[in-house]
Amino acid sequence: MSLATLPRGELRAMLHAGEQVIECHRVLAKAGLNVVGEVLRGRGTFVEFDHYPEDDVYDSDTHSQYYYHAHRGPVAEHGHFHTFLRAAGMPAGATPVAYDGSEPRPLGDAAISHLAAISMDAYGRPIGLFAVNRWVTGETWYPAGDVIRMLHRFRIDHAYPSWAVNIWIGAMLRLFRPQVESLLRHRDAVVAAWSEARPGADVFEDRELEITGHLSISVEKQIAGVKRALEREAAVVIGLNARR
């Protein structure tokens, strides 16, 4: 994936999101805090599989939702954030994938789509993004194209459990939007290939398929790449103007 191919408007939006991410890190660090610590603060012993906060974080205006937890992750991972959008916040025309299996799933007003997961290290720093199979999050399952249309709608516009964390989560999805889009398209390709290789099996409930794709990330490298792409585009424009 080349950032240089992205439209200037998208690059500028990514740069602004990157600045928000850095600012959230800065203000938390000044108080000796970090993103993960804010979500776990005051909630006792950290227990695998439990949601933090217990009832998730939800914005009733945007219908965005997230929680933090940990389970059987890579050694370098402390835990991860799962991000979602509920039915009332979805774009018009978003339609769940047809399903003829026996497992129940939320539909109609209760429908929910997983957007992406953000891996965190023990120091509260983001280290990766990943996508998962349906059974992992109990989602409804929309095709990648519909989920990609949902990404810009994710926003937690309140201060629980932490204003800085809520801003950070939305900014991370915008800063790394190209990577998230790639993970979602790859997710659908993996599910299709897995289903083809196992005729008659319910791929969405197959416990052997959990994580469909993972990418390591660096906030600093992503911001630097966006800046280089913007500088190259500006240089091209200047060159074109000089030849006129």
Protein backbone atom coordinates (compact mmCIF):
# COMPACT_ATOMS: atom_id res chain seq x y z
CA MET A 1 0.00 0.00 0.00
CA SER A 2 1.42 3.37 -1.05
CA LEU A 3 0.30 6.49 0.78
CA ALA A 4 1.47 8.50 -2.22
CA THR A 5 -1.53 7.29 -4.23
CA LEU A 6 -4.09 8.67 -1.78
CA PRO A 7 -6.00 11.91 -2.48
CA ARG A 8 -4.62 15.02 -0.82
CA GLY A 9 -7.81 15.50 1.20
CA GLU A 10 -7.53 12.03 2.68
CA LEU A 11 -3.86 12.53 3.50
CA ARG A 12 -4.61 15.79 5.29
CA ALA A 13 -7.38 14.09 7.29
CA MET A 14 -4.93 11.34 8.25
CA LEU A 15 -2.32 13.90 9.30
CA HIS A 16 -4.84 15.72 11.48
CA ALA A 17 -5.81 12.40 13.06
CA GLY A 18 -2.14 11.64 13.69
CA GLU A 19 -1.72 14.97 15.43
CA GLN A 20 -4.69 14.10 17.65
CA VAL A 21 -3.16 10.73 18.53
CA ILE A 22 0.15 12.35 19.47
CA GLU A 23 -1.62 15.01 21.52
CA CYS A 24 -3.58 12.37 23.44
CA HIS A 25 -0.33 10.53 24.18
CA ARG A 26 1.26 13.80 25.33
CA VAL A 27 -1.45 14.93 27.75
CA LEU A 28 -1.76 11.45 29.27
CA ALA A 29 2.01 11.06 29.64
CA LYS A 30 2.25 14.41 31.47
CA ALA A 31 0.19 12.83 34.25
CA GLY A 32 2.05 9.51 34.09
CA LEU A 33 -0.89 7.86 32.31
CA ASN A 34 -1.49 5.98 29.07
CA VAL A 35 -4.47 4.88 26.96
CA VAL A 36 -4.72 1.37 28.41
CA GLY A 37 -4.24 2.52 31.99
CA GLU A 38 -7.11 4.99 31.60
CA VAL A 39 -9.52 2.24 30.56
CA LEU A 40 -8.40 -0.11 33.37
CA ARG A 41 -8.11 2.53 36.10
CA GLY A 42 -10.14 1.71 39.22
CA ARG A 43 -11.42 -1.60 37.84
CA GLY A 44 -9.48 -4.04 40.04
CA THR A 45 -7.52 -7.05 38.81
CA PHE A 46 -7.18 -7.29 35.04
CA VAL A 47 -8.93 -10.52 34.02
CA GLU A 48 -8.60 -12.15 30.58
CA PHE A 49 -11.75 -12.04 28.42
CA ASP A 50 -13.50 -9.48 30.67
CA HIS A 51 -14.60 -6.27 28.95
CA TYR A 52 -13.14 -2.96 30.12
CA PRO A 53 -15.24 -1.02 30.93
CA GLU A 54 -17.63 -3.78 31.96
CA ASP A 55 -20.55 -2.53 29.85
CA ASP A 56 -18.38 -1.25 26.97
CA VAL A 57 -18.17 2.38 25.83
CA TYR A 58 -21.09 3.52 23.69
CA ASP A 59 -22.14 6.81 22.10
CA SER A 60 -25.91 6.97 21.72
CA ASP A 61 -25.66 9.71 19.06
CA THR A 62 -23.15 8.10 16.68
CA HIS A 63 -23.87 4.49 17.78
CA SER A 64 -20.14 3.81 18.01
CA GLN A 65 -18.89 1.30 20.58
CA TYR A 66 -15.64 -0.16 21.88
CA TYR A 67 -14.12 -2.16 24.68
CA TYR A 68 -10.68 -3.37 25.77
CA HIS A 69 -9.74 -6.90 26.75
CA ALA A 70 -7.08 -9.59 26.40
CA HIS A 71 -6.91 -13.26 25.46
CA ARG A 72 -4.27 -15.59 24.01
CA GLY A 73 -2.62 -12.76 22.12
CA PRO A 74 0.97 -12.46 20.92
CA VAL A 75 3.62 -12.28 23.62
CA ALA A 76 4.20 -8.59 22.88
CA GLU A 77 0.50 -7.78 23.24
CA HIS A 78 -1.01 -6.73 26.55
CA GLY A 79 -4.54 -6.58 25.13
CA HIS A 80 -6.57 -4.94 22.41
CA PHE A 81 -9.45 -2.60 21.67
CA HIS A 82 -12.40 -3.86 19.62
CA THR A 83 -14.31 -1.14 17.76
CA PHE A 84 -17.87 -1.39 16.43
CA LEU A 85 -20.71 0.49 14.79
CA ARG A 86 -24.34 -0.35 15.61
CA ALA A 87 -27.23 -0.47 13.13
CA ALA A 88 -28.60 3.01 13.81
CA GLY A 89 -25.26 4.58 12.88
CA MET A 90 -24.68 2.65 9.67
CA PRO A 91 -24.83 4.19 6.19
CA ALA A 92 -27.90 3.65 4.01
CA GLY A 93 -27.82 0.43 2.04
CA ALA A 94 -25.53 -1.51 4.38
CA THR A 95 -26.75 -5.11 4.13
CA PRO A 96 -25.58 -8.15 6.12
CA VAL A 97 -24.09 -11.08 4.25
CA ALA A 98 -26.64 -13.83 3.59
CA TYR A 99 -26.34 -16.63 6.17
CA ASP A 100 -27.99 -20.05 6.20
CA GLY A 101 -26.29 -21.42 9.29
CA SER A 102 -27.88 -22.25 12.64
CA GLU A 103 -26.07 -19.80 14.95
CA PRO A 104 -28.07 -16.75 16.09
CA ARG A 105 -26.74 -13.29 15.26
CA PRO A 106 -27.96 -9.75 15.96
CA LEU A 107 -30.16 -8.42 13.17
CA GLY A 108 -32.36 -5.40 12.47
CA ASP A 109 -32.02 -2.66 15.05
CA ALA A 110 -29.68 -4.91 17.08
CA ALA A 111 -27.22 -5.41 14.21
CA ILE A 112 -23.60 -4.54 14.93
CA SER A 113 -20.44 -4.55 12.82
CA HIS A 114 -16.88 -4.96 14.02
CA LEU A 115 -14.61 -2.37 12.40
CA ALA A 116 -11.08 -3.23 13.55
CA ALA A 117 -9.08 -4.26 16.60
CA ILE A 118 -6.09 -2.29 17.91
CA SER A 119 -3.31 -4.25 19.64
CA MET A 120 -1.57 -2.59 22.59
CA ASP A 121 1.69 -3.37 24.36
CA ALA A 122 2.35 -3.43 28.11
CA TYR A 123 3.28 0.27 28.02
CA GLY A 124 -0.08 1.32 26.57
CA ARG A 125 1.26 1.90 23.04
CA PRO A 126 -0.44 0.71 19.84
CA ILE A 127 1.52 -2.00 18.05
CA GLY A 128 -0.89 -3.55 15.57
CA LEU A 129 -4.25 -3.77 13.84
CA PHE A 130 -6.19 -6.93 13.09
CA ALA A 131 -9.49 -8.27 11.75
CA VAL A 132 -11.40 -11.27 13.07
CA ASN A 133 -13.95 -13.90 12.14
CA ARG A 134 -17.62 -13.38 13.04
CA TRP A 135 -17.78 -15.71 16.05
CA VAL A 136 -15.01 -13.80 17.83
CA THR A 137 -17.11 -10.69 18.44
CA GLY A 138 -20.63 -12.01 17.87
CA GLU A 139 -21.22 -9.44 15.15
CA THR A 140 -23.72 -9.47 12.31
CA TRP A 141 -21.14 -9.63 9.45
CA TYR A 142 -21.27 -7.09 6.69
CA PRO A 143 -19.17 -7.24 3.50
CA ALA A 144 -15.92 -5.30 3.55
CA GLY A 145 -17.27 -2.60 1.24
CA ASP A 146 -20.06 -1.76 3.69
CA VAL A 147 -17.75 -1.85 6.72
CA ILE A 148 -15.34 0.51 4.96
CA ARG A 149 -18.23 2.95 4.49
CA MET A 150 -18.83 2.77 8.24
CA LEU A 151 -15.30 3.72 9.30
CA HIS A 152 -15.66 7.50 9.14
CA ARG A 153 -18.83 7.30 11.24
CA PHE A 154 -17.02 5.98 14.32
CA ARG A 155 -16.82 8.69 16.97
CA ILE A 156 -17.16 8.64 20.75
CA ASP A 157 -18.24 12.16 21.65
CA HIS A 158 -18.29 12.05 25.45
CA ALA A 159 -15.84 11.79 28.34
CA TYR A 160 -16.49 8.27 29.72
CA PRO A 161 -14.23 6.54 30.67
CA SER A 162 -11.70 9.09 29.39
CA TRP A 163 -12.07 11.92 26.91
CA ALA A 164 -8.47 11.45 25.74
CA VAL A 165 -8.99 7.74 25.10
CA ASN A 166 -12.22 8.32 23.21
CA ILE A 167 -10.60 10.90 20.95
CA TRP A 168 -7.59 8.60 20.50
CA ILE A 169 -9.67 5.59 19.38
CA GLY A 170 -11.45 7.54 16.62
CA ALA A 171 -8.22 9.23 15.52
CA MET A 172 -6.44 5.87 15.26
CA LEU A 173 -9.08 4.57 12.87
CA ARG A 174 -8.68 7.68 10.71
CA LEU A 175 -4.86 7.73 10.81
CA PHE A 176 -4.64 4.08 9.77
CA ARG A 177 -7.71 3.98 7.55
CA PRO A 178 -5.82 2.61 4.48
CA GLN A 179 -4.49 -0.28 6.58
CA VAL A 180 -7.93 -0.97 8.07
CA GLU A 181 -9.46 -1.03 4.60
CA SER A 182 -6.80 -3.52 3.46
CA LEU A 183 -7.45 -5.74 6.48
CA LEU A 184 -11.19 -5.76 5.80
CA ARG A 185 -10.78 -6.68 2.13
CA HIS A 186 -8.25 -9.34 3.11
CA ARG A 187 -10.69 -10.61 5.77
CA ASP A 188 -13.34 -11.28 3.14
CA ALA A 189 -10.82 -12.99 0.85
CA VAL A 190 -9.63 -15.24 3.69
CA VAL A 191 -13.20 -16.17 4.68
CA ALA A 192 -14.09 -16.95 1.05
CA ALA A 193 -11.01 -19.14 0.57
CA TRP A 194 -11.58 -20.89 3.90
CA SER A 195 -15.21 -21.59 2.98
CA GLU A 196 -14.27 -22.94 -0.44
CA ALA A 197 -11.75 -25.31 1.12
CA ARG A 198 -14.39 -26.66 3.57
CA PRO A 199 -17.63 -27.23 1.63
CA GLY A 200 -20.69 -27.44 3.87
CA ALA A 201 -18.92 -26.03 6.95
CA ASP A 202 -20.04 -22.83 8.66
CA VAL A 203 -16.94 -20.68 8.13
CA PHE A 204 -18.27 -17.89 10.36
CA GLU A 205 -18.36 -20.27 13.36
CA ASP A 206 -15.13 -22.17 12.67
CA ARG A 207 -12.98 -21.87 15.81
CA GLU A 208 -9.89 -22.66 13.75
CA LEU A 209 -10.30 -19.32 11.98
CA GLU A 210 -10.04 -16.53 14.52
CA ILE A 211 -7.76 -13.72 13.29
CA THR A 212 -8.05 -13.23 9.53
CA GLY A 213 -5.20 -10.73 9.23
CA HIS A 214 -2.78 -8.66 11.32
CA LEU A 215 -0.56 -5.68 10.57
CA SER A 216 2.15 -4.17 12.76
CA ILE A 217 1.89 -0.41 13.05
CA SER A 218 3.86 2.61 14.21
CA VAL A 219 2.13 5.94 14.81
CA GLU A 220 5.34 7.85 14.19
CA LYS A 221 6.16 6.03 10.94
CA GLN A 222 2.61 6.45 9.65
CA ILE A 223 2.64 10.20 10.31
CA ALA A 224 6.06 10.53 8.68
CA GLY A 225 4.79 8.63 5.64
CA VAL A 226 1.75 10.86 5.35
CA LYS A 227 3.93 13.97 5.56
CA ARG A 228 6.24 12.65 2.83
CA ALA A 229 3.28 11.90 0.59
CA LEU A 230 1.93 15.43 1.08
CA GLU A 231 5.36 16.94 0.41
CA ARG A 232 5.78 14.93 -2.79
CA GLU A 233 2.37 16.02 -4.03
CA ALA A 234 3.15 19.64 -3.22
CA ALA A 235 6.45 19.36 -5.12
CA VAL A 236 4.67 17.94 -8.15
CA VAL A 237 2.14 20.78 -8.12
CA ILE A 238 4.93 23.37 -7.85
CA GLY A 239 6.77 21.70 -10.72
CA LEU A 240 3.70 21.72 -12.92
CA ASN A 241 3.00 25.36 -12.15
CA ALA A 242 6.63 26.29 -12.93
CA ARG A 243 6.34 24.75 -16.42
CA ARG A 244 3.27 26.76 -17.29
